[in-house]
């Protein structure tokens, strides 16, 4: 499963919209879309924030 696919799954598990995630992370909705489509990837700090928001383990999202 790609990183973007994981982001989609975890976001939907929390019943959040791309807009909602973007607001919390202080990025645009387009940025969230690009991450979820694997067009771009979040940097390390953003990835940590995403993991905290989605309540998932940092290493699990990168290595599983």
PDB file of N, CA and C in Angstrom:
ATOM      1  N   UNK A   1       0.859  -1.179   0.000  1.00  0.00           N
ATOM      2  CA  UNK A   1       0.000   0.000   0.000  1.00  0.00           C
ATOM      3  C   UNK A   1       0.904   1.240   0.000  1.00  0.00           C
ATOM      4  N   UNK A   2       0.620   2.164  -0.873  1.00  0.00           N
ATOM      5  CA  UNK A   2       1.427   3.381  -0.973  1.00  0.00           C
ATOM      6  C   UNK A   2       1.147   4.312   0.207  1.00  0.00           C
ATOM      7  N   UNK A   3       2.050   5.249   0.412  1.00  0.00           N
ATOM      8  CA  UNK A   3       1.883   6.229   1.484  1.00  0.00           C
ATOM      9  C   UNK A   3       0.592   7.018   1.279  1.00  0.00           C
ATOM     10  N   UNK A   4       0.334   7.432   0.057  1.00  0.00           N
ATOM     11  CA  UNK A   4      -0.887   8.182  -0.235  1.00  0.00           C
ATOM     12  C   UNK A   4      -2.149   7.389   0.070  1.00  0.00           C
ATOM     13  N   UNK A   5      -2.131   6.108  -0.279  1.00  0.00           N
ATOM     14  CA  UNK A   5      -3.284   5.245   0.018  1.00  0.00           C
ATOM     15  C   UNK A   5      -3.507   5.112   1.516  1.00  0.00           C
ATOM     16  N   UNK A   6      -2.414   5.044   2.269  1.00  0.00           N
ATOM     17  CA  UNK A   6      -2.529   4.985   3.730  1.00  0.00           C
ATOM     18  C   UNK A   6      -3.140   6.274   4.265  1.00  0.00           C
ATOM     19  N   UNK A   7      -2.692   7.410   3.719  1.00  0.00           N
ATOM     20  CA  UNK A   7      -3.244   8.694   4.162  1.00  0.00           C
ATOM     21  C   UNK A   7      -4.753   8.749   3.916  1.00  0.00           C
ATOM     22  N   UNK A   8      -5.185   8.280   2.759  1.00  0.00           N
ATOM     23  CA  UNK A   8      -6.619   8.270   2.448  1.00  0.00           C
ATOM     24  C   UNK A   8      -7.373   7.395   3.448  1.00  0.00           C
ATOM     25  N   UNK A   9      -6.863   6.187   3.675  1.00  0.00           N
ATOM     26  CA  UNK A   9      -7.526   5.259   4.589  1.00  0.00           C
ATOM     27  C   UNK A   9      -7.673   5.868   5.978  1.00  0.00           C
ATOM     28  N   UNK A  10      -6.587   6.392   6.530  1.00  0.00           N
ATOM     29  CA  UNK A  10      -6.635   6.932   7.888  1.00  0.00           C
ATOM     30  C   UNK A  10      -7.526   8.169   7.968  1.00  0.00           C
ATOM     31  N   UNK A  11      -7.493   9.000   6.931  1.00  0.00           N
ATOM     32  CA  UNK A  11      -8.351  10.192   6.925  1.00  0.00           C
ATOM     33  C   UNK A  11      -9.824   9.780   6.915  1.00  0.00           C
ATOM     34  N   UNK A  12     -10.150   8.819   6.074  1.00  0.00           N
ATOM     35  CA  UNK A  12     -11.540   8.367   5.989  1.00  0.00           C
ATOM     36  C   UNK A  12     -11.976   7.638   7.255  1.00  0.00           C
ATOM     37  N   UNK A  13     -11.048   6.914   7.891  1.00  0.00           N
ATOM     38  CA  UNK A  13     -11.370   6.255   9.164  1.00  0.00           C
ATOM     39  C   UNK A  13     -11.811   7.277  10.210  1.00  0.00           C
ATOM     40  N   UNK A  14     -11.229   8.478  10.153  1.00  0.00           N
ATOM     41  CA  UNK A  14     -11.589   9.549  11.088  1.00  0.00           C
ATOM     42  C   UNK A  14     -12.731  10.415  10.566  1.00  0.00           C
ATOM     43  N   UNK A  15     -13.248  10.049   9.379  1.00  0.00           N
ATOM     44  CA  UNK A  15     -14.350  10.789   8.754  1.00  0.00           C
ATOM     45  C   UNK A  15     -14.007  12.268   8.569  1.00  0.00           C
ATOM     46  N   UNK A  16     -12.774  12.510   8.141  1.00  0.00           N
ATOM     47  CA  UNK A  16     -12.320  13.878   7.892  1.00  0.00           C
ATOM     48  C   UNK A  16     -12.275  14.133   6.391  1.00  0.00           C
ATOM     49  N   UNK A  17     -12.495  15.366   6.013  1.00  0.00           N
ATOM     50  CA  UNK A  17     -12.361  15.776   4.617  1.00  0.00           C
ATOM     51  C   UNK A  17     -10.923  16.227   4.373  1.00  0.00           C
ATOM     52  N   UNK A  18     -10.573  16.316   3.098  1.00  0.00           N
ATOM     53  CA  UNK A  18      -9.261  16.869   2.767  1.00  0.00           C
ATOM     54  C   UNK A  18      -9.155  18.298   3.284  1.00  0.00           C
ATOM     55  N   UNK A  19     -10.238  19.040   3.192  1.00  0.00           N
ATOM     56  CA  UNK A  19     -10.247  20.424   3.672  1.00  0.00           C
ATOM     57  C   UNK A  19      -9.987  20.485   5.173  1.00  0.00           C
ATOM     58  N   UNK A  20     -10.605  19.571   5.914  1.00  0.00           N
ATOM     59  CA  UNK A  20     -10.413  19.539   7.365  1.00  0.00           C
ATOM     60  C   UNK A  20      -8.981  19.226   7.745  1.00  0.00           C
ATOM     61  N   UNK A  21      -8.398  18.255   7.066  1.00  0.00           N
ATOM     62  CA  UNK A  21      -7.002  17.899   7.332  1.00  0.00           C
ATOM     63  C   UNK A  21      -6.091  19.064   6.970  1.00  0.00           C
ATOM     64  N   UNK A  22      -6.356  19.680   5.829  1.00  0.00           N
ATOM     65  CA  UNK A  22      -5.540  20.809   5.385  1.00  0.00           C
ATOM     66  C   UNK A  22      -5.570  21.944   6.404  1.00  0.00           C
ATOM     67  N   UNK A  23      -6.742  22.202   6.951  1.00  0.00           N
ATOM     68  CA  UNK A  23      -6.872  23.280   7.934  1.00  0.00           C
ATOM     69  C   UNK A  23      -6.052  22.981   9.185  1.00  0.00           C
ATOM     70  N   UNK A  24      -6.135  21.751   9.666  1.00  0.00           N
ATOM     71  CA  UNK A  24      -5.390  21.372  10.871  1.00  0.00           C
ATOM     72  C   UNK A  24      -3.883  21.454  10.630  1.00  0.00           C
ATOM     73  N   UNK A  25      -3.440  21.028   9.447  1.00  0.00           N
ATOM     74  CA  UNK A  25      -2.008  21.000   9.140  1.00  0.00           C
ATOM     75  C   UNK A  25      -1.493  22.312   8.564  1.00  0.00           C
ATOM     76  N   UNK A  26      -2.401  23.255   8.362  1.00  0.00           N
ATOM     77  CA  UNK A  26      -2.037  24.567   7.826  1.00  0.00           C
ATOM     78  C   UNK A  26      -1.394  24.466   6.435  1.00  0.00           C
ATOM     79  N   UNK A  27      -2.028  23.650   5.582  1.00  0.00           N
ATOM     80  CA  UNK A  27      -1.633  23.531   4.178  1.00  0.00           C
ATOM     81  C   UNK A  27      -2.905  23.653   3.340  1.00  0.00           C
ATOM     82  N   UNK A  28      -2.763  23.637   2.028  1.00  0.00           N
ATOM     83  CA  UNK A  28      -3.935  23.725   1.162  1.00  0.00           C
ATOM     84  C   UNK A  28      -4.565  22.345   0.957  1.00  0.00           C
ATOM     85  N   UNK A  29      -5.821  22.344   0.544  1.00  0.00           N
ATOM     86  CA  UNK A  29      -6.494  21.092   0.211  1.00  0.00           C
ATOM     87  C   UNK A  29      -5.774  20.403  -0.938  1.00  0.00           C
ATOM     88  N   UNK A  30      -5.249  21.192  -1.867  1.00  0.00           N
ATOM     89  CA  UNK A  30      -4.514  20.636  -3.004  1.00  0.00           C
ATOM     90  C   UNK A  30      -3.266  19.887  -2.541  1.00  0.00           C
ATOM     91  N   UNK A  31      -2.617  20.388  -1.506  1.00  0.00           N
ATOM     92  CA  UNK A  31      -1.449  19.702  -0.954  1.00  0.00           C
ATOM     93  C   UNK A  31      -1.845  18.328  -0.433  1.00  0.00           C
ATOM     94  N   UNK A  32      -2.949  18.261   0.301  1.00  0.00           N
ATOM     95  CA  UNK A  32      -3.437  16.973   0.815  1.00  0.00           C
ATOM     96  C   UNK A  32      -3.746  16.040  -0.352  1.00  0.00           C
ATOM     97  N   UNK A  33      -4.404  16.555  -1.374  1.00  0.00           N
ATOM     98  CA  UNK A  33      -4.725  15.757  -2.559  1.00  0.00           C
ATOM     99  C   UNK A  33      -3.456  15.217  -3.214  1.00  0.00           C
ATOM    100  N   UNK A  34      -2.456  16.058  -3.365  1.00  0.00           N
ATOM    101  CA  UNK A  34      -1.192  15.632  -3.984  1.00  0.00           C
ATOM    102  C   UNK A  34      -0.511  14.537  -3.169  1.00  0.00           C
ATOM    103  N   UNK A  35      -0.545  14.665  -1.845  1.00  0.00           N
ATOM    104  CA  UNK A  35       0.030  13.621  -0.994  1.00  0.00           C
ATOM    105  C   UNK A  35      -0.730  12.318  -1.163  1.00  0.00           C
ATOM    106  N   UNK A  36      -2.057  12.398  -1.182  1.00  0.00           N
ATOM    107  CA  UNK A  36      -2.880  11.194  -1.278  1.00  0.00           C
ATOM    108  C   UNK A  36      -2.769  10.526  -2.645  1.00  0.00           C
ATOM    109  N   UNK A  37      -2.476  11.296  -3.672  1.00  0.00           N
ATOM    110  CA  UNK A  37      -2.301  10.749  -5.019  1.00  0.00           C
ATOM    111  C   UNK A  37      -0.855  10.348  -5.295  1.00  0.00           C
ATOM    112  N   UNK A  38       0.007  10.492  -4.288  1.00  0.00           N
ATOM    113  CA  UNK A  38       1.435  10.186  -4.408  1.00  0.00           C
ATOM    114  C   UNK A  38       2.130  11.024  -5.479  1.00  0.00           C
ATOM    115  N   UNK A  39       1.622  12.236  -5.706  1.00  0.00           N
ATOM    116  CA  UNK A  39       2.278  13.153  -6.639  1.00  0.00           C
ATOM    117  C   UNK A  39       3.421  13.878  -5.949  1.00  0.00           C
ATOM    118  N   UNK A  40       3.239  14.149  -4.667  1.00  0.00           N
ATOM    119  CA  UNK A  40       4.284  14.725  -3.822  1.00  0.00           C
ATOM    120  C   UNK A  40       4.204  14.017  -2.479  1.00  0.00           C
ATOM    121  N   UNK A  41       5.217  14.243  -1.650  1.00  0.00           N
ATOM    122  CA  UNK A  41       5.234  13.638  -0.316  1.00  0.00           C
ATOM    123  C   UNK A  41       5.452  14.717   0.724  1.00  0.00           C
ATOM    124  N   UNK A  42       4.848  14.538   1.891  1.00  0.00           N
ATOM    125  CA  UNK A  42       5.082  15.507   2.962  1.00  0.00           C
ATOM    126  C   UNK A  42       6.510  15.380   3.480  1.00  0.00           C
ATOM    127  N   UNK A  43       7.040  16.483   4.000  1.00  0.00           N
ATOM    128  CA  UNK A  43       8.365  16.407   4.607  1.00  0.00           C
ATOM    129  C   UNK A  43       8.262  15.695   5.954  1.00  0.00           C
ATOM    130  N   UNK A  44       9.382  15.499   6.597  1.00  0.00           N
ATOM    131  CA  UNK A  44       9.429  14.744   7.844  1.00  0.00           C
ATOM    132  C   UNK A  44       8.554  15.363   8.924  1.00  0.00           C
ATOM    133  N   UNK A  45       8.623  16.668   9.082  1.00  0.00           N
ATOM    134  CA  UNK A  45       7.823  17.337  10.116  1.00  0.00           C
ATOM    135  C   UNK A  45       6.329  17.226   9.830  1.00  0.00           C
ATOM    136  N   UNK A  46       5.947  17.392   8.571  1.00  0.00           N
ATOM    137  CA  UNK A  46       4.533  17.254   8.205  1.00  0.00           C
ATOM    138  C   UNK A  46       4.063  15.813   8.422  1.00  0.00           C
ATOM    139  N   UNK A  47       4.925  14.852   8.111  1.00  0.00           N
ATOM    140  CA  UNK A  47       4.562  13.450   8.317  1.00  0.00           C
ATOM    141  C   UNK A  47       4.311  13.173   9.792  1.00  0.00           C
ATOM    142  N   UNK A  48       5.133  13.738  10.653  1.00  0.00           N
ATOM    143  CA  UNK A  48       4.934  13.578  12.101  1.00  0.00           C
ATOM    144  C   UNK A  48       3.597  14.181  12.527  1.00  0.00           C
ATOM    145  N   UNK A  49       3.255  15.344  11.984  1.00  0.00           N
ATOM    146  CA  UNK A  49       1.979  15.986  12.311  1.00  0.00           C
ATOM    147  C   UNK A  49       0.800  15.145  11.821  1.00  0.00           C
ATOM    148  N   UNK A  50       0.943  14.576  10.636  1.00  0.00           N
ATOM    149  CA  UNK A  50      -0.107  13.719  10.085  1.00  0.00           C
ATOM    150  C   UNK A  50      -0.318  12.507  10.995  1.00  0.00           C
ATOM    151  N   UNK A  51       0.771  11.891  11.415  1.00  0.00           N
ATOM    152  CA  UNK A  51       0.672  10.725  12.295  1.00  0.00           C
ATOM    153  C   UNK A  51      -0.006  11.087  13.610  1.00  0.00           C
ATOM    154  N   UNK A  52       0.318  12.239  14.142  1.00  0.00           N
ATOM    155  CA  UNK A  52      -0.316  12.676  15.390  1.00  0.00           C
ATOM    156  C   UNK A  52      -1.814  12.904  15.169  1.00  0.00           C
ATOM    157  N   UNK A  53      -2.161  13.573  14.079  1.00  0.00           N
ATOM    158  CA  UNK A  53      -3.564  13.836  13.764  1.00  0.00           C
ATOM    159  C   UNK A  53      -4.344  12.534  13.582  1.00  0.00           C
ATOM    160  N   UNK A  54      -3.765  11.593  12.834  1.00  0.00           N
ATOM    161  CA  UNK A  54      -4.439  10.337  12.537  1.00  0.00           C
ATOM    162  C   UNK A  54      -4.276   9.299  13.648  1.00  0.00           C
ATOM    163  N   UNK A  55      -3.485   9.651  14.680  1.00  0.00           N
ATOM    164  CA  UNK A  55      -3.250   8.750  15.826  1.00  0.00           C
ATOM    165  C   UNK A  55      -2.660   7.418  15.370  1.00  0.00           C
ATOM    166  N   UNK A  56      -1.610   7.530  14.554  1.00  0.00           N
ATOM    167  CA  UNK A  56      -0.922   6.344  14.060  1.00  0.00           C
ATOM    168  C   UNK A  56       0.563   6.458  14.358  1.00  0.00           C
ATOM    169  N   UNK A  57       1.226   5.323  14.402  1.00  0.00           N
ATOM    170  CA  UNK A  57       2.653   5.277  14.679  1.00  0.00           C
ATOM    171  C   UNK A  57       3.444   5.742  13.458  1.00  0.00           C
ATOM    172  N   UNK A  58       4.390   6.625  13.693  1.00  0.00           N
ATOM    173  CA  UNK A  58       5.220   7.183  12.626  1.00  0.00           C
ATOM    174  C   UNK A  58       5.910   6.076  11.824  1.00  0.00           C
ATOM    175  N   UNK A  59       6.514   5.127  12.507  1.00  0.00           N
ATOM    176  CA  UNK A  59       7.252   4.067  11.816  1.00  0.00           C
ATOM    177  C   UNK A  59       6.317   3.112  11.078  1.00  0.00           C
ATOM    178  N   UNK A  60       5.158   2.897  11.631  1.00  0.00           N
ATOM    179  CA  UNK A  60       4.200   1.997  10.983  1.00  0.00           C
ATOM    180  C   UNK A  60       3.756   2.540   9.630  1.00  0.00           C
ATOM    181  N   UNK A  61       3.533   3.839   9.561  1.00  0.00           N
ATOM    182  CA  UNK A  61       3.059   4.400   8.295  1.00  0.00           C
ATOM    183  C   UNK A  61       4.152   4.385   7.227  1.00  0.00           C
ATOM    184  N   UNK A  62       5.400   4.481   7.648  1.00  0.00           N
ATOM    185  CA  UNK A  62       6.492   4.507   6.675  1.00  0.00           C
ATOM    186  C   UNK A  62       6.956   3.113   6.260  1.00  0.00           C
ATOM    187  N   UNK A  63       6.864   2.158   7.170  1.00  0.00           N
ATOM    188  CA  UNK A  63       7.499   0.865   6.906  1.00  0.00           C
ATOM    189  C   UNK A  63       6.549  -0.314   6.785  1.00  0.00           C
ATOM    190  N   UNK A  64       5.270  -0.122   6.979  1.00  0.00           N
ATOM    191  CA  UNK A  64       4.337  -1.253   6.838  1.00  0.00           C
ATOM    192  C   UNK A  64       3.563  -1.138   5.557  1.00  0.00           C
TER     193      UNK A  64
END
